[in-house]
Amino acid sequence: MNDAPYLALTLIFTTAGIVKGITGMGLPTVAVALLGLLMPLPSAAALLIVPSLLTNLIQLFTGPPLSDALRRLAPMMLCIAAATLAASGLLLSNPQWSACALGAVLVIYALTALFAPAVQVSPPAERWLSPLAGALTGLITGATGVFVLPAVPYLQTLGLDKARLVQALGLSFTVSTLALWAGLWLHNGWQMGLLAPSVWATVPAIAGMWAGQKISRRLSAAAFRRCFLGVLLLLGAELILRPLVG
């Protein structure tokens, strides 16, 4: 924590919480991307565990009945958990490579969200695409600490209404967070010394999430989304280029 004082931690998680409050997602993406500018990626991912878990649980249990999402998305969630555990060693074995991979994930996600055409997955295709999307999400989560690809674009193709989509995202992020924590712990990447700052980060994350929900009622969602994705593009490019210029 010498490289990331509590003030920086507070500002980062407040910002990430605001993004999550407005969009229903983005806390791990923004937090890990910003923390990755200040510290090794494994430490950034470890700090994310508590605030990500608690904010996603709030999102998960404030929507429709959870049983519907569990029945429909169980194959995807199981594959996310298994693949994250299998790949989590990559995050710790080569942090510099993981930071570059994170940058690539941010750039791909932003470009996909900005320019990919809207599609909808049919029920027959969902049966085999859900496990595949879960496995790929888990591999990327284990390697980079970020849960967005391809889970977010995939869930957006299932034709869910807004409340069920937000809940599905919360479920995916909760499973990813728990699996990432287990993977870090198995590979000695989770240290008890990180618990206090991780708990501390929960306060600004929840405060930012509450503020973001208030802001979303007055803000153009489309304009904010473009700005958010533009910032992700810049952060991703910086992470990719850092080894080349540093």
C-alpha atoms as a PDB file:
ATOM      1  CA  MET A   1       0.000   0.000   0.000  1.00  0.00           C
ATOM      2  CA  ASN A   2       2.998   2.336   0.012  1.00  0.00           C
ATOM      3  CA  ASP A   3       2.380   3.004  -3.692  1.00  0.00           C
ATOM      4  CA  ALA A   4      -1.359   3.561  -3.308  1.00  0.00           C
ATOM      5  CA  PRO A   5      -2.280   5.600  -0.222  1.00  0.00           C
ATOM      6  CA  TYR A   6      -5.759   5.479   1.207  1.00  0.00           C
ATOM      7  CA  LEU A   7      -6.709   8.785  -0.418  1.00  0.00           C
ATOM      8  CA  ALA A   8      -5.996   7.377  -3.875  1.00  0.00           C
ATOM      9  CA  LEU A   9      -7.856   4.195  -2.931  1.00  0.00           C
ATOM     10  CA  THR A  10     -10.862   6.267  -1.852  1.00  0.00           C
ATOM     11  CA  LEU A  11     -10.909   8.309  -5.053  1.00  0.00           C
ATOM     12  CA  ILE A  12     -10.526   5.250  -7.280  1.00  0.00           C
ATOM     13  CA  PHE A  13     -13.300   3.245  -5.631  1.00  0.00           C
ATOM     14  CA  THR A  14     -15.618   6.239  -5.439  1.00  0.00           C
ATOM     15  CA  THR A  15     -15.181   6.710  -9.174  1.00  0.00           C
ATOM     16  CA  ALA A  16     -15.678   2.999  -9.845  1.00  0.00           C
ATOM     17  CA  GLY A  17     -18.772   2.960  -7.611  1.00  0.00           C
ATOM     18  CA  ILE A  18     -20.293   5.909  -9.483  1.00  0.00           C
ATOM     19  CA  VAL A  19     -19.797   4.102 -12.770  1.00  0.00           C
ATOM     20  CA  LYS A  20     -21.458   0.985 -11.355  1.00  0.00           C
ATOM     21  CA  GLY A  21     -24.346   3.021  -9.963  1.00  0.00           C
ATOM     22  CA  ILE A  22     -25.015   4.587 -13.348  1.00  0.00           C
ATOM     23  CA  THR A  23     -24.493   1.555 -15.578  1.00  0.00           C
ATOM     24  CA  GLY A  24     -25.032  -1.469 -13.309  1.00  0.00           C
ATOM     25  CA  MET A  25     -21.473  -2.633 -13.985  1.00  0.00           C
ATOM     26  CA  GLY A  26     -17.927  -1.342 -14.316  1.00  0.00           C
ATOM     27  CA  LEU A  27     -16.651  -1.345 -10.730  1.00  0.00           C
ATOM     28  CA  PRO A  28     -14.010  -4.066 -11.192  1.00  0.00           C
ATOM     29  CA  THR A  29     -13.119  -2.812 -14.650  1.00  0.00           C
ATOM     30  CA  VAL A  30     -12.541   0.785 -13.582  1.00  0.00           C
ATOM     31  CA  ALA A  31     -10.975  -0.071 -10.222  1.00  0.00           C
ATOM     32  CA  VAL A  32      -8.476  -2.619 -11.548  1.00  0.00           C
ATOM     33  CA  ALA A  33      -7.590  -0.425 -14.536  1.00  0.00           C
ATOM     34  CA  LEU A  34      -6.858   2.587 -12.296  1.00  0.00           C
ATOM     35  CA  LEU A  35      -5.155   0.573  -9.563  1.00  0.00           C
ATOM     36  CA  GLY A  36      -3.047  -1.052 -12.269  1.00  0.00           C
ATOM     37  CA  LEU A  37      -1.470   2.355 -12.864  1.00  0.00           C
ATOM     38  CA  LEU A  38      -0.269   2.422  -9.246  1.00  0.00           C
ATOM     39  CA  MET A  39       0.611  -1.141  -8.264  1.00  0.00           C
ATOM     40  CA  PRO A  40       1.173  -4.680  -9.595  1.00  0.00           C
ATOM     41  CA  LEU A  41      -1.978  -6.203 -11.042  1.00  0.00           C
ATOM     42  CA  PRO A  42      -2.203  -9.100  -8.521  1.00  0.00           C
ATOM     43  CA  SER A  43      -2.357  -6.582  -5.648  1.00  0.00           C
ATOM     44  CA  ALA A  44      -4.972  -4.549  -7.513  1.00  0.00           C
ATOM     45  CA  ALA A  45      -7.104  -7.668  -8.055  1.00  0.00           C
ATOM     46  CA  ALA A  46      -6.777  -8.647  -4.393  1.00  0.00           C
ATOM     47  CA  LEU A  47      -7.891  -5.189  -3.208  1.00  0.00           C
ATOM     48  CA  LEU A  48     -10.955  -5.512  -5.396  1.00  0.00           C
ATOM     49  CA  ILE A  49     -12.351  -8.606  -3.674  1.00  0.00           C
ATOM     50  CA  VAL A  50     -14.351  -7.165  -0.763  1.00  0.00           C
ATOM     51  CA  PRO A  51     -15.855  -4.060  -2.440  1.00  0.00           C
ATOM     52  CA  SER A  52     -16.665  -5.999  -5.605  1.00  0.00           C
ATOM     53  CA  LEU A  53     -18.327  -8.813  -3.672  1.00  0.00           C
ATOM     54  CA  LEU A  54     -20.468  -6.572  -1.467  1.00  0.00           C
ATOM     55  CA  THR A  55     -21.604  -4.203  -4.226  1.00  0.00           C
ATOM     56  CA  ASN A  56     -22.472  -7.134  -6.486  1.00  0.00           C
ATOM     57  CA  LEU A  57     -24.446  -8.852  -3.717  1.00  0.00           C
ATOM     58  CA  ILE A  58     -26.461  -5.653  -3.291  1.00  0.00           C
ATOM     59  CA  GLN A  59     -27.118  -5.630  -7.036  1.00  0.00           C
ATOM     60  CA  LEU A  60     -27.915  -9.346  -7.040  1.00  0.00           C
ATOM     61  CA  PHE A  61     -30.600  -9.308  -4.338  1.00  0.00           C
ATOM     62  CA  THR A  62     -32.413  -6.074  -5.233  1.00  0.00           C
ATOM     63  CA  GLY A  63     -33.956  -7.351  -8.455  1.00  0.00           C
ATOM     64  CA  PRO A  64     -36.386 -10.085  -9.574  1.00  0.00           C
ATOM     65  CA  PRO A  65     -36.444 -13.542  -7.916  1.00  0.00           C
ATOM     66  CA  LEU A  66     -32.919 -14.914  -8.059  1.00  0.00           C
ATOM     67  CA  SER A  67     -34.065 -18.480  -8.727  1.00  0.00           C
ATOM     68  CA  ASP A  68     -34.936 -17.652 -12.349  1.00  0.00           C
ATOM     69  CA  ALA A  69     -31.443 -16.338 -13.099  1.00  0.00           C
ATOM     70  CA  LEU A  70     -29.801 -19.273 -11.310  1.00  0.00           C
ATOM     71  CA  ARG A  71     -31.731 -21.840 -13.350  1.00  0.00           C
ATOM     72  CA  ARG A  72     -31.025 -20.162 -16.654  1.00  0.00           C
ATOM     73  CA  LEU A  73     -27.393 -19.189 -16.095  1.00  0.00           C
ATOM     74  CA  ALA A  74     -26.105 -22.085 -13.968  1.00  0.00           C
ATOM     75  CA  PRO A  75     -23.985 -23.663 -16.773  1.00  0.00           C
ATOM     76  CA  MET A  76     -22.336 -20.314 -17.490  1.00  0.00           C
ATOM     77  CA  MET A  77     -21.639 -19.640 -13.803  1.00  0.00           C
ATOM     78  CA  LEU A  78     -20.119 -23.079 -13.228  1.00  0.00           C
ATOM     79  CA  CYS A  79     -17.788 -22.602 -16.189  1.00  0.00           C
ATOM     80  CA  ILE A  80     -16.804 -19.121 -14.992  1.00  0.00           C
ATOM     81  CA  ALA A  81     -15.850 -20.511 -11.589  1.00  0.00           C
ATOM     82  CA  ALA A  82     -13.906 -23.496 -12.931  1.00  0.00           C
ATOM     83  CA  ALA A  83     -12.000 -21.544 -15.586  1.00  0.00           C
ATOM     84  CA  THR A  84     -11.147 -18.682 -13.216  1.00  0.00           C
ATOM     85  CA  LEU A  85      -9.659 -21.117 -10.717  1.00  0.00           C
ATOM     86  CA  ALA A  86      -7.710 -22.848 -13.481  1.00  0.00           C
ATOM     87  CA  ALA A  87      -6.305 -19.609 -14.934  1.00  0.00           C
ATOM     88  CA  SER A  88      -5.688 -17.567 -11.783  1.00  0.00           C
ATOM     89  CA  GLY A  89      -2.062 -18.638 -11.621  1.00  0.00           C
ATOM     90  CA  LEU A  90      -1.418 -16.611 -14.799  1.00  0.00           C
ATOM     91  CA  LEU A  91      -2.178 -13.381 -12.956  1.00  0.00           C
ATOM     92  CA  LEU A  92       0.526 -14.088 -10.390  1.00  0.00           C
ATOM     93  CA  SER A  93       3.157 -15.745 -12.576  1.00  0.00           C
ATOM     94  CA  ASN A  94       3.677 -12.794 -14.938  1.00  0.00           C
ATOM     95  CA  PRO A  95       2.097  -9.535 -13.713  1.00  0.00           C
ATOM     96  CA  GLN A  96       3.542  -7.457 -16.570  1.00  0.00           C
ATOM     97  CA  TRP A  97       2.024  -9.769 -19.173  1.00  0.00           C
ATOM     98  CA  SER A  98      -1.264  -9.702 -17.259  1.00  0.00           C
ATOM     99  CA  ALA A  99      -1.258  -5.891 -17.302  1.00  0.00           C
ATOM    100  CA  CYS A 100      -0.816  -5.906 -21.093  1.00  0.00           C
ATOM    101  CA  ALA A 101      -3.585  -8.503 -21.378  1.00  0.00           C
ATOM    102  CA  LEU A 102      -5.817  -6.327 -19.207  1.00  0.00           C
ATOM    103  CA  GLY A 103      -5.157  -3.381 -21.519  1.00  0.00           C
ATOM    104  CA  ALA A 104      -6.116  -5.499 -24.524  1.00  0.00           C
ATOM    105  CA  VAL A 105      -9.309  -6.647 -22.791  1.00  0.00           C
ATOM    106  CA  LEU A 106     -10.296  -3.045 -22.040  1.00  0.00           C
ATOM    107  CA  VAL A 107      -9.667  -1.943 -25.623  1.00  0.00           C
ATOM    108  CA  ILE A 108     -11.546  -4.898 -27.132  1.00  0.00           C
ATOM    109  CA  TYR A 109     -14.459  -4.467 -24.744  1.00  0.00           C
ATOM    110  CA  ALA A 110     -14.752  -0.729 -25.438  1.00  0.00           C
ATOM    111  CA  LEU A 111     -14.578  -1.170 -29.213  1.00  0.00           C
ATOM    112  CA  THR A 112     -17.075  -4.035 -29.094  1.00  0.00           C
ATOM    113  CA  ALA A 113     -19.520  -2.018 -27.005  1.00  0.00           C
ATOM    114  CA  LEU A 114     -19.160   1.035 -29.248  1.00  0.00           C
ATOM    115  CA  PHE A 115     -19.359  -0.576 -32.665  1.00  0.00           C
ATOM    116  CA  ALA A 116     -20.654  -4.165 -32.518  1.00  0.00           C
ATOM    117  CA  PRO A 117     -24.172  -4.601 -33.934  1.00  0.00           C
ATOM    118  CA  ALA A 118     -26.946  -5.686 -31.588  1.00  0.00           C
ATOM    119  CA  VAL A 119     -27.712  -9.407 -31.830  1.00  0.00           C
ATOM    120  CA  GLN A 120     -29.898 -11.839 -29.908  1.00  0.00           C
ATOM    121  CA  VAL A 121     -29.002 -15.432 -29.100  1.00  0.00           C
ATOM    122  CA  SER A 122     -31.658 -18.065 -29.766  1.00  0.00           C
ATOM    123  CA  PRO A 123     -32.596 -20.578 -27.018  1.00  0.00           C
ATOM    124  CA  PRO A 124     -30.957 -23.533 -28.831  1.00  0.00           C
ATOM    125  CA  ALA A 125     -27.732 -21.573 -29.297  1.00  0.00           C
ATOM    126  CA  GLU A 126     -27.833 -20.415 -25.664  1.00  0.00           C
ATOM    127  CA  ARG A 127     -27.466 -24.002 -24.448  1.00  0.00           C
ATOM    128  CA  TRP A 128     -23.938 -24.288 -25.851  1.00  0.00           C
ATOM    129  CA  LEU A 129     -22.937 -20.625 -25.926  1.00  0.00           C
ATOM    130  CA  SER A 130     -23.518 -20.082 -22.201  1.00  0.00           C
ATOM    131  CA  PRO A 131     -20.863 -22.612 -21.066  1.00  0.00           C
ATOM    132  CA  LEU A 132     -18.468 -21.331 -23.742  1.00  0.00           C
ATOM    133  CA  ALA A 133     -18.961 -17.693 -22.708  1.00  0.00           C
ATOM    134  CA  GLY A 134     -18.491 -18.712 -19.072  1.00  0.00           C
ATOM    135  CA  ALA A 135     -15.255 -20.593 -19.765  1.00  0.00           C
ATOM    136  CA  LEU A 136     -13.775 -17.729 -21.788  1.00  0.00           C
ATOM    137  CA  THR A 137     -14.815 -15.210 -19.124  1.00  0.00           C
ATOM    138  CA  GLY A 138     -13.157 -17.326 -16.460  1.00  0.00           C
ATOM    139  CA  LEU A 139      -9.909 -17.613 -18.406  1.00  0.00           C
ATOM    140  CA  ILE A 140      -9.758 -13.837 -18.903  1.00  0.00           C
ATOM    141  CA  THR A 141     -10.731 -13.195 -15.271  1.00  0.00           C
ATOM    142  CA  GLY A 142      -8.009 -15.500 -14.004  1.00  0.00           C
ATOM    143  CA  ALA A 143      -5.388 -13.857 -16.221  1.00  0.00           C
ATOM    144  CA  THR A 144      -6.357 -10.187 -15.781  1.00  0.00           C
ATOM    145  CA  GLY A 145      -8.655  -9.796 -12.743  1.00  0.00           C
ATOM    146  CA  VAL A 146     -11.419  -8.228 -14.882  1.00  0.00           C
ATOM    147  CA  PHE A 147     -14.745  -9.950 -15.505  1.00  0.00           C
ATOM    148  CA  VAL A 148     -16.267  -8.107 -18.481  1.00  0.00           C
ATOM    149  CA  LEU A 149     -15.339 -10.226 -21.515  1.00  0.00           C
ATOM    150  CA  PRO A 150     -17.168 -11.947 -22.957  1.00  0.00           C
ATOM    151  CA  ALA A 151     -19.729 -12.121 -20.131  1.00  0.00           C
ATOM    152  CA  VAL A 152     -21.155  -8.604 -20.487  1.00  0.00           C
ATOM    153  CA  PRO A 153     -21.629  -8.602 -24.282  1.00  0.00           C
ATOM    154  CA  TYR A 154     -22.986 -12.150 -24.130  1.00  0.00           C
ATOM    155  CA  LEU A 155     -25.555 -11.446 -21.407  1.00  0.00           C
ATOM    156  CA  GLN A 156     -26.709  -8.444 -23.427  1.00  0.00           C
ATOM    157  CA  THR A 157     -27.633 -10.796 -26.296  1.00  0.00           C
ATOM    158  CA  LEU A 158     -30.076 -12.889 -24.222  1.00  0.00           C
ATOM    159  CA  GLY A 159     -33.025 -10.514 -24.566  1.00  0.00           C
ATOM    160  CA  LEU A 160     -33.310  -9.841 -20.823  1.00  0.00           C
ATOM    161  CA  ASP A 161     -35.239  -6.814 -19.607  1.00  0.00           C
ATOM    162  CA  LYS A 162     -33.256  -4.147 -17.759  1.00  0.00           C
ATOM    163  CA  ALA A 163     -33.910  -5.483 -14.237  1.00  0.00           C
ATOM    164  CA  ARG A 164     -33.029  -9.063 -15.173  1.00  0.00           C
ATOM    165  CA  LEU A 165     -29.944  -7.974 -17.109  1.00  0.00           C
ATOM    166  CA  VAL A 166     -28.656  -5.988 -14.133  1.00  0.00           C
ATOM    167  CA  GLN A 167     -29.305  -9.003 -11.901  1.00  0.00           C
ATOM    168  CA  ALA A 168     -27.587 -11.365 -14.355  1.00  0.00           C
ATOM    169  CA  LEU A 169     -24.557  -9.076 -14.424  1.00  0.00           C
ATOM    170  CA  GLY A 170     -24.543  -9.044 -10.621  1.00  0.00           C
ATOM    171  CA  LEU A 171     -24.647 -12.843 -10.549  1.00  0.00           C
ATOM    172  CA  SER A 172     -21.815 -13.157 -13.064  1.00  0.00           C
ATOM    173  CA  PHE A 173     -19.651 -10.631 -11.215  1.00  0.00           C
ATOM    174  CA  THR A 174     -20.346 -12.254  -7.832  1.00  0.00           C
ATOM    175  CA  VAL A 175     -19.304 -15.693  -9.076  1.00  0.00           C
ATOM    176  CA  SER A 176     -16.240 -14.199 -10.767  1.00  0.00           C
ATOM    177  CA  THR A 177     -15.231 -12.327  -7.611  1.00  0.00           C
ATOM    178  CA  LEU A 178     -15.506 -15.406  -5.394  1.00  0.00           C
ATOM    179  CA  ALA A 179     -13.653 -17.574  -7.896  1.00  0.00           C
ATOM    180  CA  LEU A 180     -10.907 -14.970  -8.284  1.00  0.00           C
ATOM    181  CA  TRP A 181     -10.496 -14.728  -4.518  1.00  0.00           C
ATOM    182  CA  ALA A 182     -10.255 -18.528  -4.281  1.00  0.00           C
ATOM    183  CA  GLY A 183      -7.708 -18.593  -7.098  1.00  0.00           C
ATOM    184  CA  LEU A 184      -5.567 -15.891  -5.507  1.00  0.00           C
ATOM    185  CA  TRP A 185      -5.722 -17.690  -2.163  1.00  0.00           C
ATOM    186  CA  LEU A 186      -4.716 -21.012  -3.726  1.00  0.00           C
ATOM    187  CA  HIS A 187      -1.683 -19.380  -5.353  1.00  0.00           C
ATOM    188  CA  ASN A 188      -0.696 -17.340  -2.274  1.00  0.00           C
ATOM    189  CA  GLY A 189      -1.812 -14.108  -3.928  1.00  0.00           C
ATOM    190  CA  TRP A 190      -4.195 -13.125  -1.140  1.00  0.00           C
ATOM    191  CA  GLN A 191      -2.480 -11.767   1.980  1.00  0.00           C
ATOM    192  CA  MET A 192      -4.285 -10.807   5.192  1.00  0.00           C
ATOM    193  CA  GLY A 193      -2.505  -7.446   5.039  1.00  0.00           C
ATOM    194  CA  LEU A 194      -4.723  -6.591   2.056  1.00  0.00           C
ATOM    195  CA  LEU A 195      -7.931  -7.178   4.016  1.00  0.00           C
ATOM    196  CA  ALA A 196      -7.995  -3.792   5.791  1.00  0.00           C
ATOM    197  CA  PRO A 197      -7.548  -1.661   2.641  1.00  0.00           C
ATOM    198  CA  SER A 198      -9.987  -3.898   0.757  1.00  0.00           C
ATOM    199  CA  VAL A 199     -12.613  -3.392   3.478  1.00  0.00           C
ATOM    200  CA  TRP A 200     -11.821   0.335   3.511  1.00  0.00           C
ATOM    201  CA  ALA A 201     -12.429   0.508  -0.250  1.00  0.00           C
ATOM    202  CA  THR A 202     -15.946  -0.853   0.267  1.00  0.00           C
ATOM    203  CA  VAL A 203     -17.130   2.396   1.863  1.00  0.00           C
ATOM    204  CA  PRO A 204     -16.339   4.709  -1.076  1.00  0.00           C
ATOM    205  CA  ALA A 205     -17.461   2.005  -3.516  1.00  0.00           C
ATOM    206  CA  ILE A 206     -20.929   1.776  -1.948  1.00  0.00           C
ATOM    207  CA  ALA A 207     -21.134   5.560  -1.519  1.00  0.00           C
ATOM    208  CA  GLY A 208     -20.165   6.020  -5.154  1.00  0.00           C
ATOM    209  CA  MET A 209     -22.693   3.393  -6.242  1.00  0.00           C
ATOM    210  CA  TRP A 210     -25.461   5.230  -4.349  1.00  0.00           C
ATOM    211  CA  ALA A 211     -24.386   8.555  -5.897  1.00  0.00           C
ATOM    212  CA  GLY A 212     -24.256   6.979  -9.353  1.00  0.00           C
ATOM    213  CA  GLN A 213     -27.819   5.722  -9.006  1.00  0.00           C
ATOM    214  CA  LYS A 214     -28.917   9.272  -8.171  1.00  0.00           C
ATOM    215  CA  ILE A 215     -26.920  10.744 -11.053  1.00  0.00           C
ATOM    216  CA  SER A 216     -28.332   8.237 -13.544  1.00  0.00           C
ATOM    217  CA  ARG A 217     -31.805   9.751 -13.155  1.00  0.00           C
ATOM    218  CA  ARG A 218     -30.563  13.052 -14.552  1.00  0.00           C
ATOM    219  CA  LEU A 219     -27.839  11.975 -16.957  1.00  0.00           C
ATOM    220  CA  SER A 220     -28.084  10.871 -20.553  1.00  0.00           C
ATOM    221  CA  ALA A 221     -27.206   7.186 -20.371  1.00  0.00           C
ATOM    222  CA  ALA A 222     -25.971   7.167 -23.983  1.00  0.00           C
ATOM    223  CA  ALA A 223     -23.623  10.133 -23.460  1.00  0.00           C
ATOM    224  CA  PHE A 224     -22.200   8.691 -20.238  1.00  0.00           C
ATOM    225  CA  ARG A 225     -21.696   5.314 -21.893  1.00  0.00           C
ATOM    226  CA  ARG A 226     -19.652   6.876 -24.708  1.00  0.00           C
ATOM    227  CA  CYS A 227     -17.484   8.783 -22.226  1.00  0.00           C
ATOM    228  CA  PHE A 228     -17.018   5.693 -20.048  1.00  0.00           C
ATOM    229  CA  LEU A 229     -15.960   3.544 -23.001  1.00  0.00           C
ATOM    230  CA  GLY A 230     -13.626   6.288 -24.236  1.00  0.00           C
ATOM    231  CA  VAL A 231     -11.886   6.321 -20.860  1.00  0.00           C
ATOM    232  CA  LEU A 232     -11.539   2.531 -20.971  1.00  0.00           C
ATOM    233  CA  LEU A 233      -9.921   2.821 -24.400  1.00  0.00           C
ATOM    234  CA  LEU A 234      -7.348   5.288 -23.054  1.00  0.00           C
ATOM    235  CA  LEU A 235      -6.625   3.201 -19.952  1.00  0.00           C
ATOM    236  CA  GLY A 236      -6.288   0.073 -22.036  1.00  0.00           C
ATOM    237  CA  ALA A 237      -3.913   1.735 -24.485  1.00  0.00           C
ATOM    238  CA  GLU A 238      -1.758   3.009 -21.607  1.00  0.00           C
ATOM    239  CA  LEU A 239      -1.468  -0.466 -20.077  1.00  0.00           C
ATOM    240  CA  ILE A 240      -0.540  -1.990 -23.447  1.00  0.00           C
ATOM    241  CA  LEU A 241       2.047   0.671 -24.272  1.00  0.00           C
ATOM    242  CA  ARG A 242       3.621   0.958 -20.797  1.00  0.00           C
ATOM    243  CA  PRO A 243       6.234  -1.816 -21.300  1.00  0.00           C
ATOM    244  CA  LEU A 244       7.208  -0.296 -24.661  1.00  0.00           C
ATOM    245  CA  VAL A 245       7.780   3.235 -23.331  1.00  0.00           C
ATOM    246  CA  GLY A 246       8.875   2.350 -19.801  1.00  0.00           C
END
